[in-house]
Amino acid sequence: MEATLKQAIASRGQLKASFTRFKAYLDAFNHSSSITELQKRLEKITPIYEKFDALQCQIESSVEGTPSAEEHADVRDFFENTFFELTASAEDIISRSQSQHAQSTQIPTPVSSIASTENRVKLPTIELPTFDGTYNNWVKFRDTFESLIHNNPNLSNIEKFHYLNSSVKGNAARTIQALGISELNYTLAWNQIKDRYEDLKTLKYHHVRSIYERPSISKESLTGLRHFIDNINNV
């Protein structure tokens, strides 16, 4: 009888040691620890309670009516309180982690966004203008290119350089032809073109010259006058 009791107490001690290791692991658990590992450890530690309960009942039956009965009863109280507290904490950690993961993988689509997409009219593709070095076309080209390409945060510099390289012709293309297409060279290329054609005096000269070179009205008429005014405004 005495040997059986000692064996039961020793086996109970092994179970308590396993649970002590689980408690130390849970106390050290943090946001960088593996949730999967915690789940595996919890699955392994949960059956310990039934084994402990069986051994504890055997021990309590053997020591009933002896001075050590109360001591062994205290062991049950401590183990049960600690067991349920730690397993509940572990389950809470796992539950919170799963909830956070589910929220991070769900991308809500606003109703207004859906309605906007459904009602959106498919617009024609905007083609980039080309620039051959004609001063009269510089401002229009510059404003369009900067709006669609240069100031577009979704494009890398090398992509912007490809667009620029395909948009310039003639004298304008020769301004940057010595520069290889790269991330670093895009800013240099765009600045070289701007320095070449962003010349206020030259722009004014070509603007005034183009006005004087407009063909005169060959025949007085309202239509002819309107065409003449439109041509002047478009210079």
Protein backbone atom coordinates (compact mmCIF):
# COMPACT_ATOMS: atom_id res chain seq x y z
CA MET A 1 0.00 0.00 0.00
CA GLU A 2 2.80 2.37 0.95
CA ALA A 3 4.65 1.66 -2.31
CA THR A 4 1.51 2.30 -4.36
CA LEU A 5 0.99 5.64 -2.62
CA LYS A 6 4.58 6.70 -3.23
CA GLN A 7 4.26 5.77 -6.90
CA ALA A 8 1.03 7.80 -7.23
CA ILE A 9 2.61 10.83 -5.55
CA ALA A 10 5.65 10.56 -7.84
CA SER A 11 3.45 10.34 -10.95
CA ARG A 12 1.46 13.34 -9.74
CA GLY A 13 4.72 15.24 -9.34
CA GLN A 14 5.61 14.56 -12.96
CA LEU A 15 2.27 15.97 -14.08
CA LYS A 16 2.78 19.06 -11.92
CA ALA A 17 6.25 19.53 -13.47
CA SER A 18 4.76 19.42 -16.98
CA PHE A 19 2.20 22.01 -15.99
CA THR A 20 4.87 24.20 -14.36
CA ARG A 21 6.77 24.24 -17.67
CA PHE A 22 3.58 25.26 -19.50
CA LYS A 23 3.05 28.07 -16.97
CA ALA A 24 6.60 29.35 -17.52
CA TYR A 25 6.05 29.28 -21.31
CA LEU A 26 2.77 31.19 -21.03
CA ASP A 27 4.27 33.79 -18.67
CA ALA A 28 6.98 34.50 -21.25
CA PHE A 29 4.55 34.59 -24.19
CA ASN A 30 4.49 37.84 -26.18
CA HIS A 31 3.26 39.24 -29.52
CA SER A 32 6.21 37.74 -31.41
CA SER A 33 5.60 34.21 -30.12
CA SER A 34 3.96 31.57 -32.30
CA ILE A 35 0.21 31.14 -31.85
CA THR A 36 0.44 27.76 -33.55
CA GLU A 37 2.96 26.59 -30.97
CA LEU A 38 0.72 27.82 -28.16
CA GLN A 39 -2.20 25.86 -29.63
CA LYS A 40 -0.10 22.70 -29.78
CA ARG A 41 1.10 23.13 -26.20
CA LEU A 42 -2.44 23.74 -24.98
CA GLU A 43 -3.68 20.59 -26.74
CA LYS A 44 -0.92 18.60 -25.06
CA ILE A 45 -1.44 20.04 -21.57
CA THR A 46 -5.26 19.77 -21.46
CA PRO A 47 -5.40 15.94 -20.91
CA ILE A 48 -3.13 16.33 -17.88
CA TYR A 49 -6.08 17.37 -15.73
CA GLU A 50 -7.85 14.00 -16.07
CA LYS A 51 -4.63 12.13 -15.27
CA PHE A 52 -4.04 14.38 -12.27
CA ASP A 53 -7.60 13.92 -11.04
CA ALA A 54 -7.31 10.11 -11.23
CA LEU A 55 -4.01 10.09 -9.30
CA GLN A 56 -5.30 12.64 -6.79
CA CYS A 57 -8.39 10.56 -6.03
CA GLN A 58 -6.16 7.53 -5.49
CA ILE A 59 -3.89 9.49 -3.14
CA GLU A 60 -6.77 11.05 -1.19
CA SER A 61 -8.34 7.60 -0.67
CA SER A 62 -5.04 6.25 0.63
CA VAL A 63 -4.42 9.11 3.10
CA GLU A 64 -8.02 9.58 4.26
CA GLY A 65 -8.10 10.09 8.02
CA THR A 66 -4.36 10.66 8.29
CA PRO A 67 -2.57 13.94 9.19
CA SER A 68 -1.43 14.38 5.57
CA ALA A 69 -4.97 14.33 4.15
CA GLU A 70 -5.36 18.12 4.38
CA GLU A 71 -1.98 18.70 2.76
CA HIS A 72 -2.95 16.59 -0.25
CA ALA A 73 -6.34 18.36 -0.45
CA ASP A 74 -4.49 21.68 -0.69
CA VAL A 75 -2.49 20.27 -3.61
CA ARG A 76 -5.75 19.60 -5.47
CA ASP A 77 -7.06 23.12 -4.81
CA PHE A 78 -3.83 24.76 -6.00
CA PHE A 79 -3.53 22.60 -9.12
CA GLU A 80 -7.16 23.05 -10.18
CA ASN A 81 -7.14 26.83 -9.69
CA THR A 82 -3.87 27.22 -11.58
CA PHE A 83 -4.91 24.81 -14.34
CA PHE A 84 -8.16 26.56 -15.18
CA GLU A 85 -6.61 30.02 -14.90
CA LEU A 86 -3.74 29.23 -17.30
CA THR A 87 -5.76 27.27 -19.86
CA ALA A 88 -8.34 30.07 -19.94
CA SER A 89 -5.57 32.64 -20.49
CA ALA A 90 -4.11 30.58 -23.32
CA GLU A 91 -7.51 30.24 -25.00
CA ASP A 92 -8.06 34.01 -24.68
CA ILE A 93 -4.71 34.71 -26.38
CA ILE A 94 -5.55 32.34 -29.24
CA SER A 95 -9.04 33.81 -29.63
CA ARG A 96 -7.75 37.40 -29.78
CA SER A 97 -5.10 36.44 -32.33
CA GLN A 98 -7.64 34.73 -34.58
CA SER A 99 -9.98 37.72 -34.31
CA GLN A 100 -7.21 40.17 -35.25
CA HIS A 101 -6.16 37.99 -38.19
CA ALA A 102 -9.74 37.82 -39.47
CA GLN A 103 -10.12 41.61 -39.24
CA SER A 104 -6.82 42.22 -41.08
CA THR A 105 -7.81 39.95 -43.98
CA GLN A 106 -11.21 41.56 -44.48
CA ILE A 107 -11.13 44.67 -46.67
CA PRO A 108 -14.50 46.39 -46.40
CA THR A 109 -15.85 47.91 -49.58
CA PRO A 110 -17.75 51.13 -48.88
CA VAL A 111 -21.22 51.32 -50.41
CA SER A 112 -20.37 54.65 -51.96
CA SER A 113 -17.33 53.06 -53.65
CA ILE A 114 -19.45 50.29 -55.15
CA ALA A 115 -22.00 52.76 -56.43
CA SER A 116 -19.24 54.93 -57.84
CA THR A 117 -17.72 51.97 -59.69
CA GLU A 118 -21.05 50.86 -61.09
CA ASN A 119 -21.97 54.34 -62.29
CA ARG A 120 -18.56 55.24 -63.66
CA VAL A 121 -18.47 56.00 -67.36
CA LYS A 122 -15.66 54.33 -69.28
CA LEU A 123 -13.63 57.22 -70.64
CA PRO A 124 -11.39 56.99 -73.69
CA THR A 125 -7.69 56.43 -73.09
CA ILE A 126 -5.70 59.66 -72.84
CA GLU A 127 -2.80 59.63 -75.29
CA LEU A 128 0.35 61.49 -74.37
CA PRO A 129 1.17 64.39 -76.69
CA THR A 130 4.48 64.42 -78.53
CA PHE A 131 6.90 67.31 -78.47
CA ASP A 132 9.37 67.93 -81.28
CA GLY A 133 11.01 71.07 -79.91
CA THR A 134 8.54 73.60 -81.33
CA TYR A 135 8.35 76.36 -78.74
CA ASN A 136 4.70 77.10 -79.40
CA ASN A 137 3.82 73.56 -78.27
CA TRP A 138 6.02 73.48 -75.17
CA VAL A 139 3.58 74.80 -72.55
CA LYS A 140 0.81 72.45 -73.65
CA PHE A 141 3.17 69.48 -73.66
CA ARG A 142 4.72 70.40 -70.31
CA ASP A 143 1.38 70.78 -68.51
CA THR A 144 -0.02 67.54 -69.91
CA PHE A 145 3.12 65.50 -69.26
CA GLU A 146 3.50 66.78 -65.70
CA SER A 147 -0.15 66.08 -64.92
CA LEU A 148 -0.23 62.54 -66.33
CA ILE A 149 3.33 61.32 -65.80
CA HIS A 150 5.76 63.54 -63.90
CA ASN A 151 3.54 64.09 -60.84
CA ASN A 152 2.07 60.56 -60.83
CA PRO A 153 3.12 58.89 -57.53
CA ASN A 154 2.27 55.43 -58.87
CA LEU A 155 5.04 55.52 -61.49
CA SER A 156 8.71 54.87 -60.84
CA ASN A 157 11.33 57.21 -62.30
CA ILE A 158 12.39 54.64 -64.84
CA GLU A 159 8.79 54.29 -66.03
CA LYS A 160 8.52 58.06 -66.27
CA PHE A 161 11.74 58.13 -68.31
CA HIS A 162 10.30 55.59 -70.77
CA TYR A 163 7.20 57.75 -71.21
CA LEU A 164 9.32 60.87 -71.68
CA ASN A 165 11.61 59.17 -74.16
CA SER A 166 8.67 58.01 -76.27
CA SER A 167 7.02 61.46 -76.19
CA VAL A 168 9.86 63.65 -77.41
CA LYS A 169 10.91 63.84 -81.06
CA GLY A 170 13.37 65.77 -83.20
CA ASN A 171 15.31 68.51 -81.44
CA ALA A 172 13.65 67.74 -78.11
CA ALA A 173 14.75 64.10 -78.30
CA ARG A 174 18.33 65.12 -79.07
CA THR A 175 18.37 67.10 -75.83
CA ILE A 176 18.34 63.89 -73.79
CA GLN A 177 19.59 61.25 -76.23
CA ALA A 178 22.96 60.98 -74.46
CA LEU A 179 21.30 59.94 -71.20
CA GLY A 180 20.71 56.26 -70.57
CA ILE A 181 17.28 55.28 -69.24
CA SER A 182 17.58 54.79 -65.48
CA GLU A 183 16.00 55.84 -62.20
CA LEU A 184 18.68 58.46 -61.53
CA ASN A 185 18.73 59.94 -65.03
CA TYR A 186 14.99 60.70 -65.27
CA THR A 187 15.14 63.85 -63.14
CA LEU A 188 18.22 64.99 -65.04
CA ALA A 189 16.53 64.41 -68.41
CA TRP A 190 13.32 66.24 -67.45
CA ASN A 191 15.31 69.18 -66.07
CA GLN A 192 17.41 69.37 -69.23
CA ILE A 193 14.32 69.63 -71.41
CA LYS A 194 12.77 72.24 -69.12
CA ASP A 195 15.98 74.28 -69.04
CA ARG A 196 16.06 74.18 -72.84
CA TYR A 197 12.45 75.18 -73.53
CA GLU A 198 11.36 76.93 -70.31
CA ASP A 199 12.81 80.17 -71.67
CA LEU A 200 10.33 83.00 -71.13
CA LYS A 201 11.93 85.41 -73.61
CA THR A 202 12.11 82.80 -76.35
CA LEU A 203 8.56 81.65 -75.67
CA LYS A 204 7.31 85.25 -75.92
CA TYR A 205 9.24 85.76 -79.15
CA HIS A 206 7.78 82.67 -80.81
CA HIS A 207 4.32 83.48 -79.51
CA VAL A 208 4.36 87.00 -80.96
CA ARG A 209 5.92 85.78 -84.19
CA SER A 210 3.22 83.15 -84.66
CA ILE A 211 0.55 85.85 -84.23
CA TYR A 212 2.07 87.95 -87.00
CA GLU A 213 2.38 84.89 -89.21
CA ARG A 214 -1.32 84.11 -88.98
CA PRO A 215 -2.96 84.40 -92.42
CA SER A 216 -5.09 87.51 -92.81
CA ILE A 217 -8.83 87.40 -93.46
CA SER A 218 -9.24 87.05 -97.19
CA LYS A 219 -12.94 87.85 -97.13
CA GLU A 220 -14.89 89.79 -94.57
CA SER A 221 -17.39 87.52 -92.87
CA LEU A 222 -18.49 86.56 -89.38
CA THR A 223 -17.21 83.01 -89.89
CA GLY A 224 -13.84 84.20 -91.13
CA LEU A 225 -13.51 86.59 -88.19
CA ARG A 226 -14.30 83.82 -85.72
CA HIS A 227 -11.69 81.53 -87.32
CA PHE A 228 -9.12 84.34 -87.11
CA ILE A 229 -9.85 84.95 -83.41
CA ASP A 230 -9.73 81.22 -82.63
CA ASN A 231 -6.35 80.94 -84.36
CA ILE A 232 -4.96 83.86 -82.33
CA ASN A 233 -6.26 82.39 -79.06
CA ASN A 234 -4.75 79.01 -79.81
CA VAL A 235 -1.26 80.37 -80.43
